[in-house]
C-alpha atoms as a PDB file:
ATOM      1  CA  MET A   1       3.614  23.421 -58.665  1.00  0.00           C
ATOM      2  CA  GLU A   2       6.390  21.489 -57.095  1.00  0.00           C
ATOM      3  CA  ALA A   3       7.568  24.577 -55.316  1.00  0.00           C
ATOM      4  CA  SER A   4       4.159  25.127 -53.781  1.00  0.00           C
ATOM      5  CA  VAL A   5       4.102  21.515 -52.558  1.00  0.00           C
ATOM      6  CA  TYR A   6       7.480  22.030 -50.913  1.00  0.00           C
ATOM      7  CA  THR A   7       6.378  25.289 -49.402  1.00  0.00           C
ATOM      8  CA  VAL A   8       3.450  23.480 -47.767  1.00  0.00           C
ATOM      9  CA  ILE A   9       5.169  20.217 -46.831  1.00  0.00           C
ATOM     10  CA  ILE A  10       8.409  21.617 -45.373  1.00  0.00           C
ATOM     11  CA  PRO A  11       6.771  24.069 -42.958  1.00  0.00           C
ATOM     12  CA  ALA A  12       4.251  21.386 -41.951  1.00  0.00           C
ATOM     13  CA  LEU A  13       7.069  18.923 -41.354  1.00  0.00           C
ATOM     14  CA  ILE A  14       9.045  21.461 -39.326  1.00  0.00           C
ATOM     15  CA  THR A  15       5.959  22.412 -37.329  1.00  0.00           C
ATOM     16  CA  GLY A  16       5.220  18.720 -36.663  1.00  0.00           C
ATOM     17  CA  LEU A  17       8.781  18.063 -35.477  1.00  0.00           C
ATOM     18  CA  VAL A  18       8.799  21.137 -33.249  1.00  0.00           C
ATOM     19  CA  THR A  19       5.419  20.130 -31.785  1.00  0.00           C
ATOM     20  CA  PHE A  20       6.658  16.563 -31.216  1.00  0.00           C
ATOM     21  CA  PHE A  21       9.821  17.669 -29.390  1.00  0.00           C
ATOM     22  CA  ALA A  22       7.947  20.311 -27.408  1.00  0.00           C
ATOM     23  CA  ALA A  23       5.414  17.689 -26.294  1.00  0.00           C
ATOM     24  CA  LYS A  24       8.233  15.300 -25.403  1.00  0.00           C
ATOM     25  CA  VAL A  25      10.008  17.945 -23.284  1.00  0.00           C
ATOM     26  CA  SER A  26       6.721  18.994 -21.693  1.00  0.00           C
ATOM     27  CA  SER A  27       5.851  15.359 -20.964  1.00  0.00           C
ATOM     28  CA  LYS A  28       9.269  14.784 -19.379  1.00  0.00           C
ATOM     29  CA  ALA A  29       8.896  17.879 -17.190  1.00  0.00           C
ATOM     30  CA  SER A  30       5.381  16.797 -16.222  1.00  0.00           C
ATOM     31  CA  LEU A  31       6.637  13.301 -15.374  1.00  0.00           C
ATOM     32  CA  GLU A  32       9.455  14.741 -13.254  1.00  0.00           C
ATOM     33  CA  GLN A  33       6.981  16.942 -11.378  1.00  0.00           C
ATOM     34  CA  THR A  34       4.704  13.937 -10.829  1.00  0.00           C
ATOM     35  CA  ASN A  35       7.654  11.965  -9.461  1.00  0.00           C
ATOM     36  CA  ILE A  36       8.548  14.837  -7.113  1.00  0.00           C
ATOM     37  CA  ASP A  37       4.943  15.104  -5.929  1.00  0.00           C
ATOM     38  CA  ASN A  38       4.746  11.345  -5.337  1.00  0.00           C
ATOM     39  CA  ALA A  39       8.041  11.345  -3.455  1.00  0.00           C
ATOM     40  CA  GLN A  40       6.819  14.177  -1.219  1.00  0.00           C
ATOM     41  CA  LYS A  41       3.547  12.369  -0.548  1.00  0.00           C
ATOM     42  CA  LEU A  42       5.401   9.171   0.320  1.00  0.00           C
ATOM     43  CA  TYR A  43       7.780  11.068   2.606  1.00  0.00           C
ATOM     44  CA  HIS A  44       4.886  12.733   4.448  1.00  0.00           C
ATOM     45  CA  LYS A  45       3.119   9.396   4.748  1.00  0.00           C
ATOM     46  CA  TYR A  46       6.316   7.820   6.116  1.00  0.00           C
ATOM     47  CA  GLU A  47       6.769  10.719   8.526  1.00  0.00           C
ATOM     48  CA  THR A  48       3.181  10.351   9.788  1.00  0.00           C
ATOM     49  CA  MET A  49       3.532   6.591  10.192  1.00  0.00           C
ATOM     50  CA  ASN A  50       6.835   7.070  11.995  1.00  0.00           C
ATOM     51  CA  GLN A  51       5.243   9.508  14.448  1.00  0.00           C
ATOM     52  CA  GLU A  52       2.291   7.165  15.035  1.00  0.00           C
ATOM     53  CA  LEU A  53       4.626   4.241  15.668  1.00  0.00           C
ATOM     54  CA  THR A  54       6.742   6.348  18.010  1.00  0.00           C
ATOM     55  CA  VAL A  55       3.638   7.208  20.048  1.00  0.00           C
ATOM     56  CA  LYS A  56       2.510   3.564  20.081  1.00  0.00           C
ATOM     57  CA  LEU A  57       5.975   2.458  21.162  1.00  0.00           C
ATOM     58  CA  ALA A  58       5.959   4.996  24.007  1.00  0.00           C
ATOM     59  CA  HIS A  59       2.573   3.643  25.154  1.00  0.00           C
ATOM     60  CA  ILE A  60       3.815   0.058  24.979  1.00  0.00           C
ATOM     61  CA  GLU A  61       6.966   0.920  26.919  1.00  0.00           C
ATOM     62  CA  ALA A  62       4.915   2.728  29.581  1.00  0.00           C
ATOM     63  CA  GLU A  63       2.542  -0.241  29.849  1.00  0.00           C
ATOM     64  CA  ASN A  64       5.485  -2.609  30.041  1.00  0.00           C
ATOM     65  CA  GLN A  65       7.036  -0.572  32.829  1.00  0.00           C
ATOM     66  CA  ARG A  66       3.715  -0.463  34.711  1.00  0.00           C
ATOM     67  CA  LEU A  67       3.315  -4.241  34.374  1.00  0.00           C
ATOM     68  CA  ASP A  68       6.901  -4.783  35.502  1.00  0.00           C
ATOM     69  CA  GLN A  69       6.323  -2.682  38.626  1.00  0.00           C
ATOM     70  CA  GLN A  70       3.098  -4.556  39.310  1.00  0.00           C
ATOM     71  CA  TYR A  71       4.911  -7.871  38.854  1.00  0.00           C
ATOM     72  CA  GLN A  72       7.675  -6.795  41.240  1.00  0.00           C
ATOM     73  CA  GLN A  73       5.092  -5.782  43.853  1.00  0.00           C
ATOM     74  CA  HIS A  74       3.226  -9.078  43.536  1.00  0.00           C
ATOM     75  CA  LEU A  75       6.482 -10.970  43.677  1.00  0.00           C
ATOM     76  CA  ALA A  76       7.457  -9.204  46.912  1.00  0.00           C
ATOM     77  CA  VAL A  77       4.050  -9.997  48.445  1.00  0.00           C
ATOM     78  CA  TYR A  78       4.277 -13.665  47.436  1.00  0.00           C
ATOM     79  CA  GLN A  79       7.838 -13.962  48.694  1.00  0.00           C
ATOM     80  CA  SER A  80       6.724 -12.489  52.011  1.00  0.00           C
ATOM     81  CA  LYS A  81       3.801 -14.924  52.204  1.00  0.00           C
ATOM     82  CA  LEU A  82       6.105 -17.802  51.293  1.00  0.00           C
ATOM     83  CA  ALA A  83       8.522 -16.852  54.068  1.00  0.00           C
ATOM     84  CA  GLU A  84       5.632 -16.599  56.524  1.00  0.00           C
ATOM     85  CA  ILE A  85       4.195 -19.963  55.484  1.00  0.00           C
ATOM     86  CA  SER A  86       7.633 -21.603  55.581  1.00  0.00           C
ATOM     87  CA  SER A  87       8.139 -20.291  59.093  1.00  0.00           C
ATOM     88  CA  GLU A  88       4.705 -21.556  60.109  1.00  0.00           C
ATOM     89  CA  ARG A  89       5.438 -24.934  58.508  1.00  0.00           C
ATOM     90  CA  ASP A  90       8.712 -25.207  60.462  1.00  0.00           C
ATOM     91  CA  PHE A  91       6.897 -24.312  63.672  1.00  0.00           C
ATOM     92  CA  LEU A  92       4.220 -26.924  62.958  1.00  0.00           C
ATOM     93  CA  LYS A  93       6.863 -29.564  62.197  1.00  0.00           C
ATOM     94  CA  LEU A  94       8.525 -28.916  65.549  1.00  0.00           C
ATOM     95  CA  GLU A  95       5.161 -28.913  67.302  1.00  0.00           C
ATOM     96  CA  ASN A  96       4.274 -32.184  65.596  1.00  0.00           C
ATOM     97  CA  GLN A  97       7.581 -33.735  66.705  1.00  0.00           C
ATOM     98  CA  ARG A  98       7.031 -32.536  70.279  1.00  0.00           C
ATOM     99  CA  LEU A  99       3.501 -33.964  70.340  1.00  0.00           C
ATOM    100  CA  MET A 100       4.717 -37.246  68.839  1.00  0.00           C
ATOM    101  CA  GLN A 101       7.352 -37.521  71.540  1.00  0.00           C
ATOM    102  CA  GLN A 102       4.783 -36.688  74.215  1.00  0.00           C
ATOM    103  CA  LEU A 103       2.438 -39.326  72.774  1.00  0.00           C
ATOM    104  CA  GLN A 104       5.225 -41.911  72.748  1.00  0.00           C
ATOM    105  CA  LYS A 105       6.019 -41.135  76.398  1.00  0.00           C
ATOM    106  CA  GLN A 106       2.348 -41.522  77.296  1.00  0.00           C
ATOM    107  CA  GLU A 107       2.155 -44.820  75.420  1.00  0.00           C
ATOM    108  CA  LYS A 108       5.286 -46.093  77.217  1.00  0.00           C
ATOM    109  CA  GLY A 109       3.852 -44.983  80.540  1.00  0.00           C
ATOM    110  CA  THR A 110       0.517 -46.674  79.818  1.00  0.00           C
ATOM    111  CA  SER A 111       2.060 -49.899  78.548  1.00  0.00           C
ATOM    112  CA  SER A 112       4.465 -50.237  81.497  1.00  0.00           C
ATOM    113  CA  GLY A 113       2.008 -49.280  84.189  1.00  0.00           C
END
């Protein structure tokens, strides 16, 4: 009877060990495949995000360039207006001085005569 117990237990033990190691190897291979799949998904997600950010950056740079050109145009207009107003102010200062002198001459003429 002991022999029949061994003939049942030993093959069952061997089968159990083989099944355990096979499952372990299969689990490791499955885990490696899962890691590869996840890495590929992350890479594709990164690649997509990178492309989206590149497009957004191009739009921002184009908008920045457009705003810079607009700023330069406005600046040129304002500088031109400033030069014109400064010239007009200088003219008016001289005109004011001339009129003040003329007024002083009239006052001197009126007070002496």
